[in-house]
């Protein structure tokens, strides 16, 4: 079996393009840094070429500035995300502490109301209708202190 070989001319690799932190003023496509194949000079052109033929001479100071701006924006974005996460953590911590404080206050109130019920109980004050009314009111108050209770029950029903 015979073998056929074809020598193809070498095609030079396309020069790398580097995206700039700007958009084409004509078409809005991202600008890239390109190199002229004949002269080797750097220039800024649109990534939408050949649809948009915008070009301008490249100024290395602009690239340095745009790279610095991109890095600064990325750093700020990272800091914002970290600050938001810390704020969410602090809010969650404050909520948990508030719930702990409410539970402790509710337990203290419940203990106080139980003590008042014991003091005002009609068995301690026989023949005193006010003791019975006061005990009923205190028991109703104690029920409102239970988790999930929303309002005081109506008096006199």
N, C-alpha and C. Protein backbone atom coordinates (compact mmCIF):
# COMPACT_ATOMS: atom_id res chain seq x y z
N UNK A 1 0.84 -1.16 0.00
CA UNK A 1 0.00 0.00 0.00
C UNK A 1 0.89 1.23 0.00
N UNK A 2 0.57 2.15 -0.86
CA UNK A 2 1.35 3.38 -1.01
C UNK A 2 0.79 4.46 -0.08
N UNK A 3 1.67 5.29 0.35
CA UNK A 3 1.26 6.35 1.26
C UNK A 3 1.47 7.69 0.60
N UNK A 4 0.49 8.53 0.71
CA UNK A 4 0.55 9.86 0.11
C UNK A 4 0.71 10.87 1.23
N UNK A 5 1.65 11.76 1.12
CA UNK A 5 1.84 12.82 2.12
C UNK A 5 1.70 14.16 1.43
N UNK A 6 1.10 15.05 2.08
CA UNK A 6 0.93 16.41 1.54
C UNK A 6 1.58 17.37 2.53
N UNK A 7 2.42 18.19 2.01
CA UNK A 7 3.05 19.22 2.85
C UNK A 7 2.18 20.47 2.79
N UNK A 8 1.63 20.85 3.91
CA UNK A 8 0.82 22.07 3.99
C UNK A 8 1.69 23.19 4.53
N UNK A 9 1.47 24.38 4.00
CA UNK A 9 2.27 25.49 4.55
C UNK A 9 1.84 25.74 6.00
N UNK A 10 2.83 26.09 6.79
CA UNK A 10 2.53 26.35 8.19
C UNK A 10 1.77 27.66 8.32
N UNK A 11 0.70 27.60 9.06
CA UNK A 11 -0.06 28.83 9.33
C UNK A 11 0.41 29.35 10.67
N UNK A 12 0.77 30.60 10.69
CA UNK A 12 1.26 31.14 11.96
C UNK A 12 0.11 31.14 12.98
N UNK A 13 0.41 30.81 14.19
CA UNK A 13 -0.65 30.83 15.20
C UNK A 13 -1.18 32.25 15.39
N UNK A 14 -2.46 32.32 15.63
CA UNK A 14 -3.07 33.64 15.84
C UNK A 14 -2.49 34.22 17.12
N UNK A 15 -2.14 35.49 17.06
CA UNK A 15 -1.60 36.09 18.28
C UNK A 15 -2.69 36.10 19.36
N UNK A 16 -2.28 35.95 20.58
CA UNK A 16 -3.29 35.94 21.65
C UNK A 16 -3.97 37.30 21.77
N UNK A 17 -5.22 37.28 22.14
CA UNK A 17 -5.94 38.52 22.38
C UNK A 17 -6.22 38.62 23.87
N UNK A 18 -6.17 39.80 24.37
CA UNK A 18 -6.42 40.04 25.79
C UNK A 18 -7.59 41.00 25.91
N UNK A 19 -8.58 40.56 26.67
CA UNK A 19 -9.77 41.37 26.84
C UNK A 19 -9.43 42.58 27.70
N UNK A 20 -9.91 43.73 27.26
CA UNK A 20 -9.73 44.95 28.03
C UNK A 20 -10.99 45.23 28.84
N UNK A 21 -10.86 46.02 29.85
CA UNK A 21 -12.01 46.32 30.71
C UNK A 21 -12.79 47.50 30.12
N UNK A 22 -13.18 47.36 28.86
CA UNK A 22 -13.95 48.42 28.20
C UNK A 22 -14.73 47.78 27.06
N UNK A 23 -15.71 48.52 26.58
CA UNK A 23 -16.52 48.05 25.47
C UNK A 23 -16.35 49.00 24.29
N UNK A 24 -16.60 48.46 23.10
CA UNK A 24 -16.47 49.22 21.87
C UNK A 24 -17.49 50.37 21.88
N UNK A 25 -17.04 51.59 21.58
CA UNK A 25 -17.97 52.71 21.57
C UNK A 25 -18.94 52.65 20.39
N UNK A 26 -18.63 51.83 19.37
CA UNK A 26 -19.51 51.75 18.19
C UNK A 26 -20.55 50.65 18.33
N UNK A 27 -20.13 49.44 18.73
CA UNK A 27 -21.07 48.31 18.74
C UNK A 27 -21.34 47.76 20.13
N UNK A 28 -20.54 48.15 21.14
CA UNK A 28 -20.76 47.67 22.50
C UNK A 28 -20.09 46.34 22.82
N UNK A 29 -19.43 45.72 21.83
CA UNK A 29 -18.74 44.44 22.08
C UNK A 29 -17.49 44.71 22.94
N UNK A 30 -17.02 43.72 23.68
CA UNK A 30 -15.81 43.92 24.49
C UNK A 30 -14.61 44.28 23.61
N UNK A 31 -13.77 45.17 24.10
CA UNK A 31 -12.55 45.53 23.39
C UNK A 31 -11.45 44.54 23.76
N UNK A 32 -10.61 44.24 22.78
CA UNK A 32 -9.50 43.32 23.01
C UNK A 32 -8.22 43.95 22.51
N UNK A 33 -7.12 43.49 23.08
CA UNK A 33 -5.80 43.96 22.66
C UNK A 33 -5.32 43.02 21.56
N UNK A 34 -4.98 43.58 20.42
CA UNK A 34 -4.53 42.78 19.27
C UNK A 34 -3.15 43.26 18.81
N UNK A 35 -2.55 42.42 17.95
CA UNK A 35 -1.24 42.77 17.41
C UNK A 35 -1.30 42.73 15.90
N UNK A 36 -0.80 43.79 15.26
CA UNK A 36 -0.75 43.86 13.81
C UNK A 36 0.22 42.79 13.31
N UNK A 37 -0.23 41.95 12.36
CA UNK A 37 0.61 40.85 11.87
C UNK A 37 1.83 41.33 11.09
N UNK A 38 1.67 42.47 10.42
CA UNK A 38 2.78 42.94 9.59
C UNK A 38 3.78 43.77 10.38
N UNK A 39 3.27 44.68 11.21
CA UNK A 39 4.20 45.58 11.92
C UNK A 39 4.48 45.13 13.35
N UNK A 40 3.62 44.28 13.91
CA UNK A 40 3.80 43.83 15.29
C UNK A 40 3.31 44.85 16.31
N UNK A 41 2.76 45.98 15.84
CA UNK A 41 2.29 47.01 16.77
C UNK A 41 1.00 46.55 17.45
N UNK A 42 0.88 46.92 18.68
CA UNK A 42 -0.33 46.60 19.43
C UNK A 42 -1.40 47.64 19.14
N UNK A 43 -2.64 47.17 19.09
CA UNK A 43 -3.77 48.10 18.93
C UNK A 43 -4.98 47.53 19.65
N UNK A 44 -5.93 48.40 19.92
CA UNK A 44 -7.17 48.00 20.57
C UNK A 44 -8.23 47.89 19.49
N UNK A 45 -8.94 46.77 19.50
CA UNK A 45 -9.99 46.56 18.51
C UNK A 45 -11.18 45.87 19.13
N UNK A 46 -12.28 45.92 18.44
CA UNK A 46 -13.49 45.28 18.94
C UNK A 46 -13.44 43.78 18.73
N UNK A 47 -14.05 43.03 19.63
CA UNK A 47 -14.08 41.59 19.50
C UNK A 47 -15.11 41.15 18.46
N UNK A 48 -15.90 42.09 17.95
CA UNK A 48 -16.92 41.76 16.96
C UNK A 48 -16.39 41.91 15.52
N UNK A 49 -15.06 42.09 15.37
CA UNK A 49 -14.48 42.20 14.03
C UNK A 49 -14.77 40.91 13.27
N UNK A 50 -15.14 40.92 12.04
CA UNK A 50 -15.19 42.00 11.06
C UNK A 50 -16.53 42.76 11.03
N UNK A 51 -17.48 42.39 11.89
CA UNK A 51 -18.75 43.11 11.91
C UNK A 51 -18.57 44.57 12.30
N UNK A 52 -17.61 44.83 13.13
CA UNK A 52 -17.30 46.20 13.55
C UNK A 52 -15.80 46.37 13.40
N UNK A 53 -15.38 47.36 12.68
CA UNK A 53 -13.95 47.54 12.38
C UNK A 53 -13.31 48.62 13.24
N UNK A 54 -13.88 48.89 14.41
CA UNK A 54 -13.32 49.93 15.27
C UNK A 54 -11.92 49.52 15.74
N UNK A 55 -10.97 50.43 15.63
CA UNK A 55 -9.62 50.22 16.16
C UNK A 55 -9.10 51.54 16.69
N UNK A 56 -8.16 51.44 17.57
CA UNK A 56 -7.44 52.64 18.04
C UNK A 56 -6.07 52.20 18.51
N UNK A 57 -5.09 53.09 18.48
CA UNK A 57 -3.76 52.72 18.95
C UNK A 57 -3.81 52.33 20.42
N UNK A 58 -3.00 51.38 20.78
CA UNK A 58 -3.00 50.89 22.16
C UNK A 58 -2.08 51.74 23.02
N UNK A 59 -2.59 52.12 24.17
CA UNK A 59 -1.80 52.84 25.17
C UNK A 59 -1.66 51.91 26.37
N UNK A 60 -0.47 51.47 26.66
CA UNK A 60 -0.25 50.50 27.74
C UNK A 60 -0.71 51.04 29.09
N UNK A 61 -0.71 52.36 29.24
CA UNK A 61 -1.17 52.94 30.50
C UNK A 61 -2.66 52.66 30.70
N UNK A 62 -3.43 52.65 29.59
CA UNK A 62 -4.86 52.37 29.69
C UNK A 62 -5.07 50.93 30.15
N UNK A 63 -4.28 50.01 29.60
CA UNK A 63 -4.41 48.61 30.01
C UNK A 63 -4.07 48.45 31.49
N UNK A 64 -3.00 49.10 31.93
CA UNK A 64 -2.62 49.03 33.33
C UNK A 64 -3.73 49.58 34.22
N UNK A 65 -4.30 50.71 33.81
CA UNK A 65 -5.38 51.33 34.57
C UNK A 65 -6.62 50.45 34.57
N UNK A 66 -6.98 49.91 33.41
CA UNK A 66 -8.19 49.08 33.35
C UNK A 66 -8.01 47.80 34.15
N UNK A 67 -6.82 47.21 34.11
CA UNK A 67 -6.55 46.01 34.91
C UNK A 67 -6.65 46.34 36.39
N UNK A 68 -6.09 47.47 36.78
CA UNK A 68 -6.17 47.90 38.17
C UNK A 68 -7.60 48.14 38.61
N UNK A 69 -8.40 48.74 37.74
CA UNK A 69 -9.81 48.98 38.06
C UNK A 69 -10.57 47.67 38.22
N UNK A 70 -10.32 46.73 37.31
CA UNK A 70 -10.99 45.44 37.40
C UNK A 70 -10.64 44.76 38.71
N UNK A 71 -9.37 44.78 39.07
CA UNK A 71 -8.95 44.16 40.32
C UNK A 71 -9.58 44.86 41.53
N UNK A 72 -9.65 46.18 41.47
CA UNK A 72 -10.25 46.93 42.57
C UNK A 72 -11.73 46.60 42.71
N UNK A 73 -12.43 46.51 41.58
CA UNK A 73 -13.86 46.18 41.60
C UNK A 73 -14.06 44.77 42.14
N UNK A 74 -13.22 43.84 41.72
CA UNK A 74 -13.33 42.46 42.22
C UNK A 74 -13.06 42.40 43.73
N UNK A 75 -12.08 43.15 44.18
CA UNK A 75 -11.78 43.20 45.61
C UNK A 75 -12.95 43.79 46.38
N UNK A 76 -13.52 44.88 45.87
CA UNK A 76 -14.68 45.48 46.53
C UNK A 76 -15.87 44.53 46.54
N UNK A 77 -16.10 43.84 45.44
CA UNK A 77 -17.21 42.89 45.38
C UNK A 77 -17.02 41.79 46.42
N UNK A 78 -15.80 41.31 46.56
CA UNK A 78 -15.51 40.29 47.57
C UNK A 78 -15.76 40.83 48.97
N UNK A 79 -15.33 42.06 49.21
CA UNK A 79 -15.54 42.66 50.52
C UNK A 79 -17.02 42.87 50.81
N UNK A 80 -17.79 43.25 49.79
CA UNK A 80 -19.23 43.43 49.96
C UNK A 80 -19.88 42.10 50.33
N UNK A 81 -19.51 41.03 49.63
CA UNK A 81 -20.07 39.71 49.92
C UNK A 81 -19.71 39.30 51.35
N UNK A 82 -18.48 39.54 51.76
CA UNK A 82 -18.06 39.20 53.12
C UNK A 82 -18.81 40.03 54.15
N UNK A 83 -19.00 41.33 53.86
CA UNK A 83 -19.73 42.19 54.79
C UNK A 83 -21.19 41.76 54.90
N UNK A 84 -21.79 41.38 53.77
CA UNK A 84 -23.18 40.92 53.80
C UNK A 84 -23.31 39.63 54.61
N UNK A 85 -22.37 38.72 54.43
CA UNK A 85 -22.40 37.47 55.18
C UNK A 85 -22.25 37.73 56.67
N UNK A 86 -21.35 38.63 57.03
CA UNK A 86 -21.14 38.98 58.44
C UNK A 86 -22.39 39.66 59.00
N UNK A 87 -23.02 40.52 58.23
CA UNK A 87 -24.24 41.19 58.68
C UNK A 87 -25.36 40.17 58.90
N UNK A 88 -25.51 39.21 57.97
CA UNK A 88 -26.52 38.16 58.14
C UNK A 88 -26.25 37.33 59.39
N UNK A 89 -24.98 37.03 59.64
CA UNK A 89 -24.62 36.27 60.83
C UNK A 89 -24.96 37.05 62.09
N UNK A 90 -24.66 38.36 62.09
CA UNK A 90 -24.94 39.18 63.26
C UNK A 90 -26.44 39.31 63.49
N UNK A 91 -27.23 39.45 62.41
CA UNK A 91 -28.68 39.54 62.54
C UNK A 91 -29.22 38.24 63.13
N UNK A 92 -28.75 37.11 62.62
CA UNK A 92 -29.21 35.81 63.13
C UNK A 92 -28.84 35.66 64.61
N UNK A 93 -27.64 36.09 64.96
CA UNK A 93 -27.18 36.02 66.34
C UNK A 93 -28.04 36.92 67.24
N UNK A 94 -28.35 38.12 66.75
CA UNK A 94 -29.19 39.05 67.53
C UNK A 94 -30.60 38.50 67.71
N UNK A 95 -31.13 37.87 66.66
CA UNK A 95 -32.47 37.27 66.77
C UNK A 95 -32.46 36.14 67.81
N UNK A 96 -31.45 35.31 67.75
CA UNK A 96 -31.37 34.21 68.71
C UNK A 96 -31.25 34.74 70.14
N UNK A 97 -30.43 35.76 70.32
CA UNK A 97 -30.28 36.36 71.66
C UNK A 97 -31.59 36.98 72.11
N UNK A 98 -32.29 37.64 71.22
CA UNK A 98 -33.59 38.24 71.55
C UNK A 98 -34.59 37.16 71.96
N UNK A 99 -34.60 36.05 71.24
CA UNK A 99 -35.50 34.95 71.60
C UNK A 99 -35.14 34.37 72.96
N UNK A 100 -33.84 34.24 73.23
CA UNK A 100 -33.41 33.74 74.55
C UNK A 100 -33.86 34.69 75.65
N UNK A 101 -33.70 36.00 75.42
CA UNK A 101 -34.11 36.98 76.42
C UNK A 101 -35.62 36.95 76.64
N UNK A 102 -36.40 36.86 75.55
CA UNK A 102 -37.86 36.79 75.68
C UNK A 102 -38.26 35.54 76.47
N UNK A 103 -37.62 34.42 76.17
CA UNK A 103 -37.95 33.18 76.89
C UNK A 103 -37.62 33.32 78.38
N UNK A 104 -36.49 33.95 78.69
CA UNK A 104 -36.11 34.13 80.09
C UNK A 104 -37.09 35.08 80.79
N UNK A 105 -37.48 36.16 80.11
CA UNK A 105 -38.44 37.10 80.70
C UNK A 105 -39.79 36.43 80.89
N UNK A 106 -40.20 35.63 79.91
CA UNK A 106 -41.48 34.93 80.00
C UNK A 106 -41.45 33.95 81.18
N UNK A 107 -40.33 33.25 81.37
CA UNK A 107 -40.21 32.31 82.49
C UNK A 107 -40.26 33.05 83.82
N UNK A 108 -39.61 34.21 83.90
CA UNK A 108 -39.65 35.01 85.13
C UNK A 108 -41.06 35.49 85.42
N UNK A 109 -41.75 35.98 84.40
CA UNK A 109 -43.13 36.42 84.59
C UNK A 109 -44.03 35.26 85.00
N UNK A 110 -43.84 34.12 84.38
CA UNK A 110 -44.65 32.96 84.71
C UNK A 110 -44.44 32.57 86.18
N UNK A 111 -43.18 32.58 86.60
CA UNK A 111 -42.87 32.24 87.99
C UNK A 111 -43.53 33.25 88.95
N UNK A 112 -43.47 34.52 88.61
CA UNK A 112 -44.07 35.56 89.44
C UNK A 112 -45.59 35.40 89.51
N UNK A 113 -46.21 35.13 88.36
CA UNK A 113 -47.67 34.96 88.33
C UNK A 113 -48.07 33.73 89.13
N UNK A 114 -47.30 32.65 89.04
CA UNK A 114 -47.60 31.45 89.84
C UNK A 114 -47.53 31.76 91.34
N UNK A 115 -46.54 32.56 91.71
CA UNK A 115 -46.43 32.95 93.12
C UNK A 115 -47.62 33.81 93.55
N UNK A 116 -48.05 34.72 92.67
CA UNK A 116 -49.21 35.55 92.98
C UNK A 116 -50.48 34.70 93.08
N UNK A 117 -50.61 33.70 92.20
CA UNK A 117 -51.77 32.80 92.26
C UNK A 117 -51.79 32.07 93.61
N UNK A 118 -50.62 31.63 94.03
CA UNK A 118 -50.54 30.93 95.31
C UNK A 118 -50.91 31.86 96.47
N UNK A 119 -50.47 33.12 96.39
CA UNK A 119 -50.79 34.07 97.46
C UNK A 119 -52.27 34.45 97.48
N UNK A 120 -52.88 34.58 96.29
CA UNK A 120 -54.26 35.05 96.20
C UNK A 120 -55.26 33.91 96.17
N UNK A 121 -54.83 32.69 96.24
CA UNK A 121 -55.74 31.55 96.10
C UNK A 121 -56.86 31.62 97.14
N UNK A 122 -58.10 31.30 96.71
CA UNK A 122 -59.24 31.39 97.63
C UNK A 122 -59.11 30.50 98.87
N UNK A 123 -58.33 29.44 98.79
CA UNK A 123 -58.16 28.58 99.97
C UNK A 123 -57.44 29.33 101.10
N UNK A 124 -56.58 30.27 100.70
CA UNK A 124 -55.87 31.06 101.72
C UNK A 124 -56.76 32.17 102.28
N UNK A 125 -57.75 32.60 101.47
CA UNK A 125 -58.61 33.71 101.88
C UNK A 125 -60.08 33.27 101.77
N UNK A 126 -60.50 32.39 102.63
CA UNK A 126 -61.89 31.96 102.56
C UNK A 126 -62.84 33.14 102.81
N UNK A 127 -64.01 33.03 102.23
CA UNK A 127 -65.05 34.05 102.37
C UNK A 127 -64.62 35.40 101.79
N UNK A 128 -63.67 35.39 100.80
CA UNK A 128 -63.26 36.64 100.14
C UNK A 128 -63.46 36.47 98.64
N UNK A 129 -64.59 37.03 98.12
CA UNK A 129 -64.84 36.86 96.68
C UNK A 129 -63.75 37.47 95.82
N UNK A 130 -63.11 38.49 96.30
CA UNK A 130 -62.04 39.13 95.52
C UNK A 130 -60.88 38.17 95.28
N UNK A 131 -60.62 37.29 96.22
CA UNK A 131 -59.53 36.32 96.06
C UNK A 131 -59.81 35.40 94.87
N UNK A 132 -61.07 34.98 94.74
CA UNK A 132 -61.42 34.11 93.61
C UNK A 132 -61.27 34.86 92.28
N UNK A 133 -61.77 36.10 92.22
CA UNK A 133 -61.68 36.89 90.98
C UNK A 133 -60.22 37.16 90.62
N UNK A 134 -59.44 37.48 91.62
CA UNK A 134 -58.02 37.75 91.38
C UNK A 134 -57.31 36.49 90.88
N UNK A 135 -57.62 35.35 91.45
CA UNK A 135 -57.00 34.09 91.03
C UNK A 135 -57.40 33.77 89.59
N UNK A 136 -58.66 33.95 89.24
CA UNK A 136 -59.11 33.70 87.87
C UNK A 136 -58.37 34.62 86.90
N UNK A 137 -58.22 35.87 87.24
CA UNK A 137 -57.51 36.82 86.38
C UNK A 137 -56.04 36.44 86.23
N UNK A 138 -55.42 36.02 87.33
CA UNK A 138 -54.01 35.63 87.27
C UNK A 138 -53.81 34.36 86.46
N UNK A 139 -54.74 33.42 86.55
CA UNK A 139 -54.64 32.19 85.74
C UNK A 139 -54.77 32.54 84.26
N UNK A 140 -55.70 33.47 83.94
CA UNK A 140 -55.84 33.90 82.54
C UNK A 140 -54.57 34.59 82.06
N UNK A 141 -53.97 35.41 82.93
CA UNK A 141 -52.72 36.06 82.57
C UNK A 141 -51.62 35.03 82.33
N UNK A 142 -51.56 34.03 83.19
CA UNK A 142 -50.54 32.99 83.02
C UNK A 142 -50.70 32.26 81.70
N UNK A 143 -51.93 32.05 81.26
CA UNK A 143 -52.17 31.37 79.98
C UNK A 143 -51.64 32.20 78.81
N UNK A 144 -51.72 33.52 78.93
CA UNK A 144 -51.20 34.37 77.85
C UNK A 144 -49.69 34.34 77.79
N UNK A 145 -49.05 33.95 78.88
CA UNK A 145 -47.58 33.87 78.89
C UNK A 145 -47.07 32.60 78.24
N UNK A 146 -47.95 31.66 77.96
CA UNK A 146 -47.53 30.41 77.34
C UNK A 146 -47.10 30.70 75.89
N UNK A 147 -46.07 29.99 75.38
CA UNK A 147 -45.65 30.18 73.99
C UNK A 147 -46.82 29.93 73.04
N UNK A 148 -46.98 30.81 72.09
CA UNK A 148 -48.04 30.67 71.09
C UNK A 148 -49.28 31.47 71.46
N UNK A 149 -49.41 31.91 72.71
CA UNK A 149 -50.57 32.72 73.09
C UNK A 149 -50.41 34.11 72.49
N UNK A 150 -51.51 34.67 71.98
CA UNK A 150 -51.41 35.94 71.29
C UNK A 150 -52.06 37.09 72.02
N UNK A 151 -53.14 36.83 72.82
CA UNK A 151 -53.82 37.96 73.48
C UNK A 151 -54.44 37.49 74.78
N UNK A 152 -54.83 38.45 75.55
CA UNK A 152 -55.50 38.15 76.81
C UNK A 152 -56.90 37.68 76.53
N UNK A 153 -57.40 36.65 77.25
CA UNK A 153 -58.80 36.26 77.07
C UNK A 153 -59.70 37.36 77.63
N UNK A 154 -60.93 37.43 77.10
CA UNK A 154 -61.87 38.47 77.53
C UNK A 154 -62.29 38.21 78.96
N UNK A 155 -62.28 39.26 79.77
CA UNK A 155 -62.69 39.15 81.17
C UNK A 155 -64.21 39.19 81.24
N UNK A 156 -64.81 38.46 82.17
CA UNK A 156 -66.23 38.51 82.39
C UNK A 156 -67.01 37.54 81.52
N UNK A 157 -66.40 36.69 80.73
CA UNK A 157 -67.12 35.72 79.89
C UNK A 157 -67.11 34.37 80.51
